[in-house]
Structure formats: C-alpha cells, structure tokens
Amino acid sequence: MSVATDGDDDRKIHPTPEDLRREMVATVKRFVERDVEPVASELEHRDEYPHQLVATMKELGLFGATIPTHWGGLGLDTLTYAMMVEELCVGWMSLSGILNTHLMLAYVIRTFGSDRQRDEFLPGMARGDLRGALCLSEAHAGSDVQAIRTVGRRDGDDYVINGAKMWVTNARQGNLYALVVKTDPQADPPHKGMSLFIAPKGPGITVSRDIGKLGYKGVETCEVAFEDYRVPSANLLAGVEGHGMQHVLTGLEVGRINIAARAVGVARAAFERAIQYSQQRTTFGKPICEHQAVQLKLADMATKIDAARLLTHRAAELKDRGQRCDLEAGMAKLFASETCAEVALEAMRIHGGYGFSKEFPVERYYRDAPLMIIGEGTNEIQRTIIARQLVKKYPA
C-alpha cells in the first residue's frame, strides 16, 4: 500500500477540521438540492411549517451543530456553522431561523451556564428534542433592550414572571425559551437589573398570536404572554441576577454571524438565478448577459457577495479564537444584509416581469432580504455600534 493511500486512510479515521468542514457543508448542500429546493416555494407560499424538512435536519444533527460532542452535538466551529447556514439559505432562508435562536440559547448555556444547567439542557438541545426560542423584544422595546418591562419576582425556590414578548421565532414549535426579564426594575442603569432564565414551556405561557410577515414564512414568529409563569431559580443562567444583558449581547454575536451568513446565502441564490436567466433570455438577437447594462449588474452583485462572505468568515474566525468580535460581527451583518437586499432587487430587475411573478423564486428572495436588515439589531443600530467601537479602537 502506498504512503499516499495510508495517509488517505488515516484521514478517514482521523479527519482534520478542514475535512470535517467540507463534509458538513457538502452534506447540507445535498440536503438542500435533494429535499429543500423542490418544495421551498410551495411551502413558503402556503406559510406552512416544514415538519418533514425539520425532521431531516434533526437526523443530520443540525440542532447540535455547535454544541460540543461532550453533550451529544457535532462540536462544529462557528466558521463551519456559518458556511452551512449559507448553503441552507441558498435553498430556503426560513430553515436557518429554526436553528438560529436555538443555537444562540445553546451557546449562552455552554458559555455562562452552571455544570448542572449544561448537563440538563444541552443533550436534549443537541438531539433536537429541546428546541430553543429567544424571548427578548417587546412591543415597545426592540433595539432599546433595556426598556423591557417583563418582570421576574423571586418567590421561594421559583421566580414568577409576568409580561409579554414579541417577535419570538420558534414560539410554537420550540419548547425551551431564553427568557430575558427584569429582576430589579429599579436598577440604574437598567441593564444591571436584567436577568436571563432558561425557561421550559409550561403553565403560565400563552402563545397569544402569530405575526403575519412579508417574508420569512413557514417558520412562526409570535407574541408570547407570561402570566404568573413560574420558573425554578435553578434555571437562572449562571445563578446570578443582573447579568442578562451581558448574556444576550454575547449570544447576539453568534446571531449576527448567522444573519450575515443567511444574507450571503440568499444573495447567492438570487445571483445564481439571475446569471442563469441572463444566459437563457434573449433580446435584440442575443442573450441579455451580453448587454453591458446587465453585465455591470452581474459584476457588482458577484463582487459584493464575495466581500460579504469574507467579512462573515472573518467574524466567525475571531469568535472561534475566543476574541471579542462585536465590531466585526456588526460589520458583517451590516454589509451582508445591505448587499442581500441590493442583489435581490437587481436579480428581480434582470428577470423583468418574471421576477415579479411567483413562477420564479426571485420574488421570495426579494421578500426575505429585508429581514436581515432588521433582524438581530437594525442596521441603524449596527452602524452606531460600529462607530462607537471604532472610536475606542482609534483614540485621538
């Protein structure tokens, strides 16, 4: 047997991180091509939850993508996860939303939780039996997180929660909430009175209504009411009050990388459809890709998508090195989401009238794109965060 063959066999037994990354990205790509793309538009137009696709995602281990193998997950790094999210969103962006808040909750439990909390919740989350949702925003408090009014009051071994949350993805299908409340409503500054609970769905929680949306269909986004909901004090993340804001902001770094990767995926899907159509559609005796006006669009679209991907991967790599990356994640989220919106519109314009019809998926990309501009902090907030970090980085 040759040395090269021995090396190949050794890599099969002990795959490198790069081998694992390629394998997982290829696995998601096959799933998208085989199972997602044939049904995505139909399910999306019906606004129907993709139960079968989610079951396959569970079988593939995607609910445990970034959960360490010690608790039954795949133990993938953030960069691999970002690349998988891109592939998933080439097929249907909504599927990545089912994973995003779930893995954000898993991340904060792994990072800040007690040993008991990790052992109790992470194995079920890795299997997909426990599915996470983030209860943060409220009707009057979106970007201004410190303005939340949901309150948790200590009562013996429990906390009693009262209030309401908005824009909760996975509210119905999920069964484990990352619930951010004020345990000290009088705290000054307000964030010192905020705490995060690992809150199983149960009595006192009502999913009060589903919110109709322009895009991002097929996955539920809901208002959730908490009325004398009791959560054990043992489920207070890290066992300490007043650190909820820190926990949320750390989780949002992962969430913003996810949003950036989603935007790259949707933009790539729109671009690929557009360039294929431009080679098939003819006007004035030649394919429209030979018209300079279309060529300029295609060049700008491809260049910006590549730039957005590189920004996303840079933020993911910093996260994997354990470095603070709120600046880089914010830049990636900002640029990728704005690129996605631009590319989706240009793809529709290249398609002409067909881009406006439901016969082509381009209209879906156009409707999904605005979510990334708004989700995990609006781009106006991102610009503010970026500017503040830059001033600190470059002192006078």
Protein backbone atom coordinates (compact mmCIF):
# COMPACT_ATOMS: atom_id res chain seq x y z
CA MET A 1 0.00 0.00 0.00
CA SER A 2 1.41 3.40 -0.92
CA VAL A 3 2.20 6.14 1.52
CA ALA A 4 -0.45 8.35 -0.06
CA THR A 5 -3.10 5.68 0.46
CA ASP A 6 -2.03 5.21 4.06
CA GLY A 7 -2.40 8.94 4.54
CA ASP A 8 -5.84 8.90 2.97
CA ASP A 9 -6.92 6.05 5.26
CA ASP A 10 -5.56 7.90 8.29
CA ARG A 11 -7.57 10.99 7.33
CA LYS A 12 -10.72 8.88 7.10
CA ILE A 13 -10.10 7.63 10.64
CA HIS A 14 -8.87 10.99 11.98
CA PRO A 15 -10.39 13.69 9.76
CA THR A 16 -8.89 17.16 10.01
CA PRO A 17 -11.09 20.14 10.87
CA GLU A 18 -10.94 21.15 7.20
CA ASP A 19 -12.10 17.67 6.15
CA LEU A 20 -14.99 17.84 8.60
CA ARG A 21 -15.91 21.32 7.40
CA ARG A 22 -16.03 20.23 3.77
CA GLU A 23 -18.05 17.14 4.67
CA MET A 24 -20.65 19.07 6.69
CA VAL A 25 -21.04 21.83 4.09
CA ALA A 26 -21.39 19.19 1.35
CA THR A 27 -23.98 17.35 3.45
CA VAL A 28 -26.10 20.48 3.83
CA LYS A 29 -25.71 21.26 0.12
CA ARG A 30 -27.00 17.78 -0.80
CA PHE A 31 -29.91 18.17 1.62
CA VAL A 32 -30.84 21.50 0.05
CA GLU A 33 -30.64 20.23 -3.53
CA ARG A 34 -32.47 16.98 -2.82
CA ASP A 35 -35.10 17.95 -0.24
CA VAL A 36 -35.41 21.72 0.11
CA GLU A 37 -35.35 23.31 -3.33
CA PRO A 38 -38.16 21.15 -4.80
CA VAL A 39 -40.64 22.18 -2.07
CA ALA A 40 -39.43 25.51 -0.66
CA SER A 41 -41.53 27.86 -2.78
CA GLU A 42 -44.71 25.83 -2.34
CA LEU A 43 -44.32 25.63 1.45
CA GLU A 44 -43.34 29.28 1.64
CA HIS A 45 -46.36 30.48 -0.34
CA ARG A 46 -48.63 28.42 1.94
CA ASP A 47 -46.75 29.73 5.01
CA GLU A 48 -46.58 26.11 6.15
CA TYR A 49 -44.18 24.85 8.81
CA PRO A 50 -41.75 22.40 7.13
CA HIS A 51 -42.14 19.46 9.53
CA GLN A 52 -40.50 16.90 7.23
CA LEU A 53 -37.54 19.13 6.44
CA VAL A 54 -37.05 19.85 10.13
CA ALA A 55 -37.14 16.12 10.87
CA THR A 56 -34.35 15.60 8.35
CA MET A 57 -32.38 18.48 9.89
CA LYS A 58 -32.75 16.71 13.21
CA GLU A 59 -31.46 13.45 11.71
CA LEU A 60 -28.48 15.30 10.25
CA GLY A 61 -27.61 16.62 13.71
CA LEU A 62 -28.03 20.28 12.74
CA PHE A 63 -29.74 21.16 16.03
CA GLY A 64 -26.49 20.20 17.72
CA ALA A 65 -24.21 21.78 15.13
CA THR A 66 -22.19 23.96 17.51
CA ILE A 67 -22.90 22.04 20.73
CA PRO A 68 -19.76 20.20 21.89
CA THR A 69 -19.58 16.45 21.40
CA HIS A 70 -19.44 16.01 25.20
CA TRP A 71 -23.17 16.81 25.24
CA GLY A 72 -24.02 14.93 22.06
CA GLY A 73 -23.57 17.70 19.50
CA LEU A 74 -21.42 17.86 16.39
CA GLY A 75 -18.95 20.25 18.01
CA LEU A 76 -18.51 22.38 14.89
CA ASP A 77 -16.79 25.73 14.97
CA THR A 78 -18.54 28.99 14.13
CA LEU A 79 -16.93 29.23 10.70
CA THR A 80 -18.24 25.81 9.66
CA TYR A 81 -21.65 26.72 11.00
CA ALA A 82 -21.66 29.98 9.01
CA MET A 83 -20.78 28.09 5.83
CA MET A 84 -23.58 25.60 6.50
CA VAL A 85 -26.07 28.41 7.08
CA GLU A 86 -25.12 29.95 3.74
CA GLU A 87 -25.85 26.68 1.95
CA LEU A 88 -29.12 26.24 3.83
CA CYS A 89 -30.26 29.73 2.83
CA VAL A 90 -29.49 29.14 -0.83
CA GLY A 91 -32.41 26.72 -0.54
CA TRP A 92 -34.73 28.49 1.89
CA MET A 93 -33.78 31.15 4.40
CA SER A 94 -36.56 30.28 6.86
CA LEU A 95 -34.87 27.00 7.76
CA SER A 96 -31.90 28.82 9.24
CA GLY A 97 -34.23 30.73 11.56
CA ILE A 98 -35.30 27.46 13.13
CA LEU A 99 -31.65 26.89 14.10
CA ASN A 100 -30.51 30.41 14.94
CA THR A 101 -32.16 31.21 18.27
CA HIS A 102 -31.91 27.54 19.24
CA LEU A 103 -28.13 27.57 18.91
CA MET A 104 -27.87 31.06 20.43
CA LEU A 105 -29.51 29.66 23.58
CA ALA A 106 -27.21 26.63 23.49
CA TYR A 107 -24.22 28.94 23.18
CA VAL A 108 -25.08 31.07 26.20
CA ILE A 109 -25.82 27.96 28.27
CA ARG A 110 -22.45 26.49 27.28
CA THR A 111 -20.63 29.77 27.92
CA PHE A 112 -22.29 31.00 31.11
CA GLY A 113 -24.37 28.14 32.48
CA SER A 114 -23.57 26.00 35.50
CA ASP A 115 -22.45 22.41 35.09
CA ARG A 116 -25.93 21.31 36.10
CA GLN A 117 -27.55 23.58 33.51
CA ARG A 118 -25.24 22.33 30.76
CA ASP A 119 -25.84 18.69 31.62
CA GLU A 120 -29.60 19.17 31.96
CA PHE A 121 -30.32 21.08 28.76
CA LEU A 122 -27.56 20.68 26.17
CA PRO A 123 -28.02 16.94 25.40
CA GLY A 124 -31.72 17.43 24.62
CA MET A 125 -30.96 20.50 22.55
CA ALA A 126 -28.28 18.61 20.59
CA ARG A 127 -30.82 15.90 19.73
CA GLY A 128 -33.42 18.50 18.74
CA ASP A 129 -35.84 17.25 21.38
CA LEU A 130 -35.49 20.57 23.17
CA ARG A 131 -35.81 23.48 20.73
CA GLY A 132 -34.82 26.95 21.75
CA ALA A 133 -36.51 30.31 21.22
CA LEU A 134 -35.38 33.79 22.26
CA CYS A 135 -37.82 35.91 24.25
CA LEU A 136 -36.17 39.34 24.25
CA SER A 137 -38.01 42.03 22.28
CA GLU A 138 -41.28 43.53 23.45
CA ALA A 139 -43.94 45.58 21.69
CA HIS A 140 -42.31 48.81 22.91
CA ALA A 141 -38.73 47.55 23.20
CA GLY A 142 -36.84 46.27 20.17
CA SER A 143 -33.49 47.97 19.64
CA ASP A 144 -33.76 49.55 23.12
CA VAL A 145 -33.37 46.27 25.00
CA GLN A 146 -33.06 47.96 28.40
CA ALA A 147 -36.64 49.23 28.05
CA ILE A 148 -38.19 45.78 28.54
CA ARG A 149 -40.97 45.62 31.14
CA THR A 150 -41.35 41.87 31.70
CA VAL A 151 -40.60 41.29 35.38
CA GLY A 152 -39.39 38.29 37.38
CA ARG A 153 -40.09 38.28 41.14
CA ARG A 154 -38.43 35.78 43.49
CA ASP A 155 -40.91 33.55 45.33
CA GLY A 156 -39.24 30.82 47.34
CA ASP A 157 -37.40 28.45 45.03
CA ASP A 158 -39.05 29.96 41.95
CA TYR A 159 -39.29 33.20 40.05
CA VAL A 160 -42.74 34.36 38.99
CA ILE A 161 -42.69 36.01 35.54
CA ASN A 162 -45.24 38.48 34.19
CA GLY A 163 -45.11 40.34 30.89
CA ALA A 164 -45.18 39.79 27.12
CA LYS A 165 -42.62 39.25 24.38
CA MET A 166 -42.80 39.98 20.64
CA TRP A 167 -41.10 38.64 17.50
CA VAL A 168 -40.43 35.21 19.03
CA THR A 169 -39.22 32.78 16.37
CA ASN A 170 -39.92 29.11 17.22
CA ALA A 171 -42.51 30.19 19.78
CA ARG A 172 -44.95 27.38 18.93
CA GLN A 173 -42.60 24.64 17.78
CA GLY A 174 -39.96 25.44 20.40
CA ASN A 175 -40.22 24.29 23.99
CA LEU A 176 -37.30 25.99 25.74
CA TYR A 177 -37.11 29.75 25.95
CA ALA A 178 -34.20 32.09 26.60
CA LEU A 179 -36.30 34.50 28.65
CA VAL A 180 -34.89 37.94 29.46
CA VAL A 181 -36.65 39.79 32.29
CA LYS A 182 -36.05 42.50 34.85
CA THR A 183 -35.43 41.01 38.27
CA ASP A 184 -34.72 44.53 39.59
CA PRO A 185 -36.93 47.04 37.77
CA GLN A 186 -35.43 49.91 39.81
CA ALA A 187 -31.81 49.24 38.83
CA ASP A 188 -29.79 52.16 37.47
CA PRO A 189 -28.57 51.72 34.81
CA PRO A 190 -31.45 49.43 33.80
CA HIS A 191 -29.28 46.64 32.35
CA LYS A 192 -27.96 45.85 35.83
CA GLY A 193 -31.44 44.65 36.72
CA MET A 194 -31.82 42.30 33.75
CA SER A 195 -31.51 38.52 34.04
CA LEU A 196 -31.80 35.58 31.67
CA PHE A 197 -33.69 32.39 32.50
CA ILE A 198 -33.71 29.01 30.79
CA ALA A 199 -37.48 28.69 30.68
CA PRO A 200 -39.25 25.47 29.64
CA LYS A 201 -42.65 25.95 28.06
CA GLY A 202 -45.39 25.26 30.60
CA PRO A 203 -48.36 26.66 32.52
CA GLY A 204 -48.43 30.44 32.52
CA ILE A 205 -47.07 30.74 28.97
CA THR A 206 -49.50 31.59 26.17
CA VAL A 207 -48.53 31.96 22.53
CA SER A 208 -51.11 34.66 22.01
CA ARG A 209 -50.87 35.31 18.27
CA ASP A 210 -48.87 34.70 15.12
CA ILE A 211 -47.49 37.77 13.36
CA GLY A 212 -48.10 37.92 9.61
CA LYS A 213 -44.95 38.77 7.68
CA LEU A 214 -43.84 39.96 4.25
CA GLY A 215 -41.32 37.14 4.01
CA TYR A 216 -39.56 34.68 6.32
CA LYS A 217 -42.62 32.48 6.04
CA GLY A 218 -43.03 28.87 7.08
CA VAL A 219 -41.45 29.50 10.48
CA GLU A 220 -43.65 31.06 13.12
CA THR A 221 -42.99 34.48 14.64
CA CYS A 222 -45.25 35.16 17.60
CA GLU A 223 -46.27 37.23 20.56
CA VAL A 224 -45.91 35.32 23.82
CA ALA A 225 -47.59 36.24 27.12
CA PHE A 226 -46.31 35.28 30.56
CA GLU A 227 -48.87 35.33 33.34
CA ASP A 228 -47.67 34.18 36.76
CA TYR A 229 -45.31 31.81 34.95
CA ARG A 230 -43.08 30.03 37.45
CA VAL A 231 -39.51 29.10 36.57
CA PRO A 232 -37.16 27.42 39.09
CA SER A 233 -34.45 29.68 40.49
CA ALA A 234 -32.03 26.92 39.44
CA ASN A 235 -32.77 27.98 35.83
CA LEU A 236 -31.37 31.49 36.32
CA LEU A 237 -28.42 31.46 33.92
CA ALA A 238 -25.16 31.26 35.88
CA GLY A 239 -27.23 31.51 39.08
CA VAL A 240 -26.68 35.26 39.35
CA GLU A 241 -29.11 38.12 38.79
CA GLY A 242 -28.18 41.21 36.80
CA HIS A 243 -26.07 39.67 34.06
CA GLY A 244 -28.80 39.14 31.45
CA MET A 245 -27.61 41.98 29.21
CA GLN A 246 -24.11 40.53 29.02
CA HIS A 247 -25.53 37.10 28.21
CA VAL A 248 -27.77 38.50 25.48
CA LEU A 249 -25.04 40.58 23.84
CA THR A 250 -22.66 37.61 23.76
CA GLY A 251 -25.36 35.45 22.17
CA LEU A 252 -26.14 38.17 19.65
CA GLU A 253 -22.57 38.00 18.32
CA VAL A 254 -23.38 34.44 17.21
CA GLY A 255 -26.79 35.57 15.99
CA ARG A 256 -25.34 38.36 13.86
CA ILE A 257 -22.87 35.99 12.25
CA ASN A 258 -25.84 33.75 11.47
CA ILE A 259 -27.76 36.67 9.96
CA ALA A 260 -24.76 37.67 7.86
CA ALA A 261 -24.38 34.09 6.60
CA ARG A 262 -28.10 33.97 5.81
CA ALA A 263 -27.79 37.17 3.80
CA VAL A 264 -24.85 35.74 1.82
CA GLY A 265 -26.89 32.61 1.08
CA VAL A 266 -29.98 34.46 -0.11
CA ALA A 267 -27.87 36.88 -2.16
CA ARG A 268 -26.00 33.98 -3.73
CA ALA A 269 -29.25 32.24 -4.63
CA ALA A 270 -30.57 35.42 -6.24
CA PHE A 271 -27.34 35.97 -8.15
CA GLU A 272 -27.16 32.39 -9.41
CA ARG A 273 -30.75 32.56 -10.65
CA ALA A 274 -30.08 35.89 -12.30
CA ILE A 275 -26.92 34.89 -14.14
CA GLN A 276 -28.53 31.66 -15.36
CA TYR A 277 -31.59 33.56 -16.60
CA SER A 278 -29.40 36.19 -18.28
CA GLN A 279 -27.78 33.49 -20.40
CA GLN A 280 -31.12 31.95 -21.41
CA ARG A 281 -33.16 35.09 -22.08
CA THR A 282 -32.51 36.82 -25.42
CA THR A 283 -33.37 40.32 -26.53
CA PHE A 284 -32.45 42.05 -29.77
CA GLY A 285 -30.88 38.86 -31.06
CA LYS A 286 -28.52 37.98 -28.21
CA PRO A 287 -28.58 36.76 -24.58
CA ILE A 288 -29.15 39.63 -22.18
CA CYS A 289 -25.87 38.75 -20.40
CA GLU A 290 -24.14 40.25 -23.45
CA HIS A 291 -25.78 43.64 -22.86
CA GLN A 292 -23.46 45.92 -20.93
CA ALA A 293 -26.23 47.13 -18.61
CA VAL A 294 -26.76 43.57 -17.35
CA GLN A 295 -23.04 42.81 -17.25
CA LEU A 296 -22.43 45.74 -14.90
CA LYS A 297 -25.14 44.46 -12.56
CA LEU A 298 -23.72 40.94 -12.53
CA ALA A 299 -20.19 42.18 -11.83
CA ASP A 300 -21.29 44.31 -8.88
CA MET A 301 -23.51 41.55 -7.48
CA ALA A 302 -20.79 38.90 -7.52
CA THR A 303 -18.14 41.23 -6.09
CA LYS A 304 -20.30 42.35 -3.17
CA ILE A 305 -21.37 38.79 -2.36
CA ASP A 306 -17.74 37.70 -2.13
CA ALA A 307 -16.91 40.69 0.08
CA ALA A 308 -19.87 39.93 2.35
CA ARG A 309 -18.76 36.31 2.68
CA LEU A 310 -15.22 37.32 3.61
CA LEU A 311 -16.49 39.70 6.31
CA THR A 312 -18.73 36.95 7.68
CA HIS A 313 -15.91 34.42 7.77
CA ARG A 314 -13.59 36.91 9.48
CA ALA A 315 -16.10 37.46 12.28
CA ALA A 316 -16.64 33.71 12.64
CA GLU A 317 -12.91 33.03 12.85
CA LEU A 318 -12.48 35.66 15.57
CA LYS A 319 -15.32 34.09 17.51
CA ASP A 320 -13.66 30.69 17.20
CA ARG A 321 -10.43 32.15 18.58
CA GLY A 322 -12.31 33.36 21.63
CA GLN A 323 -11.81 37.00 20.75
CA ARG A 324 -14.38 39.75 21.08
CA CYS A 325 -16.00 40.26 17.68
CA ASP A 326 -18.94 42.61 18.17
CA LEU A 327 -17.33 45.11 15.79
CA GLU A 328 -16.59 42.51 13.10
CA ALA A 329 -19.92 40.71 13.51
CA GLY A 330 -21.70 44.04 13.23
CA MET A 331 -19.78 44.94 10.07
CA ALA A 332 -20.52 41.54 8.54
CA LYS A 333 -24.21 41.74 9.40
CA LEU A 334 -24.48 45.31 8.10
CA PHE A 335 -22.69 44.80 4.80
CA ALA A 336 -24.08 41.33 4.04
CA SER A 337 -27.69 42.31 4.70
CA GLU A 338 -27.49 45.50 2.63
CA THR A 339 -25.80 43.50 -0.14
CA CYS A 340 -28.54 40.89 0.02
CA ALA A 341 -31.28 43.48 -0.39
CA GLU A 342 -29.47 45.09 -3.32
CA VAL A 343 -28.71 41.79 -5.06
CA ALA A 344 -32.28 40.51 -4.62
CA LEU A 345 -33.65 43.67 -6.24
CA GLU A 346 -31.14 43.53 -9.10
CA ALA A 347 -31.96 39.85 -9.69
CA MET A 348 -35.63 40.78 -9.95
CA ARG A 349 -34.80 43.55 -12.43
CA ILE A 350 -32.72 41.18 -14.55
CA HIS A 351 -35.69 38.78 -14.64
CA GLY A 352 -38.01 41.58 -15.72
CA GLY A 353 -41.68 40.70 -15.40
CA TYR A 354 -40.88 37.09 -14.47
CA GLY A 355 -39.02 38.33 -11.41
CA PHE A 356 -42.26 39.81 -10.15
CA SER A 357 -44.20 36.58 -10.57
CA LYS A 358 -44.45 33.62 -8.22
CA GLU A 359 -43.33 31.31 -11.00
CA PHE A 360 -39.71 32.14 -10.15
CA PRO A 361 -38.15 32.12 -6.65
CA VAL A 362 -36.61 35.57 -7.13
CA GLU A 363 -39.66 37.25 -5.62
CA ARG A 364 -39.13 35.13 -2.47
CA TYR A 365 -35.54 36.29 -2.14
CA TYR A 366 -36.73 39.88 -2.51
CA ARG A 367 -39.29 39.43 0.29
CA ASP A 368 -36.85 37.58 2.57
CA ALA A 369 -34.00 40.08 2.21
CA PRO A 370 -35.39 42.85 4.47
CA LEU A 371 -35.43 40.53 7.49
CA MET A 372 -31.63 40.51 7.59
CA ILE A 373 -31.57 44.33 7.62
CA ILE A 374 -33.83 44.33 10.69
CA GLY A 375 -33.03 41.06 12.49
CA GLU A 376 -30.58 40.84 15.42
CA GLY A 377 -30.46 44.63 15.64
CA THR A 378 -31.38 47.03 12.86
CA ASN A 379 -28.64 48.24 10.56
CA GLU A 380 -29.01 51.72 12.01
CA ILE A 381 -28.11 50.23 15.40
CA GLN A 382 -25.26 48.30 13.77
CA ARG A 383 -23.78 51.50 12.38
CA THR A 384 -23.95 53.10 15.83
CA ILE A 385 -22.25 50.11 17.46
CA ILE A 386 -19.58 50.03 14.76
CA ALA A 387 -18.88 53.75 15.12
CA ARG A 388 -18.57 53.54 18.91
CA GLN A 389 -16.17 50.60 18.65
CA LEU A 390 -14.09 52.42 16.04
CA VAL A 391 -13.75 55.49 18.26
CA LYS A 392 -12.46 53.24 21.05
CA LYS A 393 -10.12 51.44 18.64
CA TYR A 394 -8.67 54.67 17.25
CA PRO A 395 -8.37 57.08 20.19
CA ALA A 396 -7.24 60.63 19.46
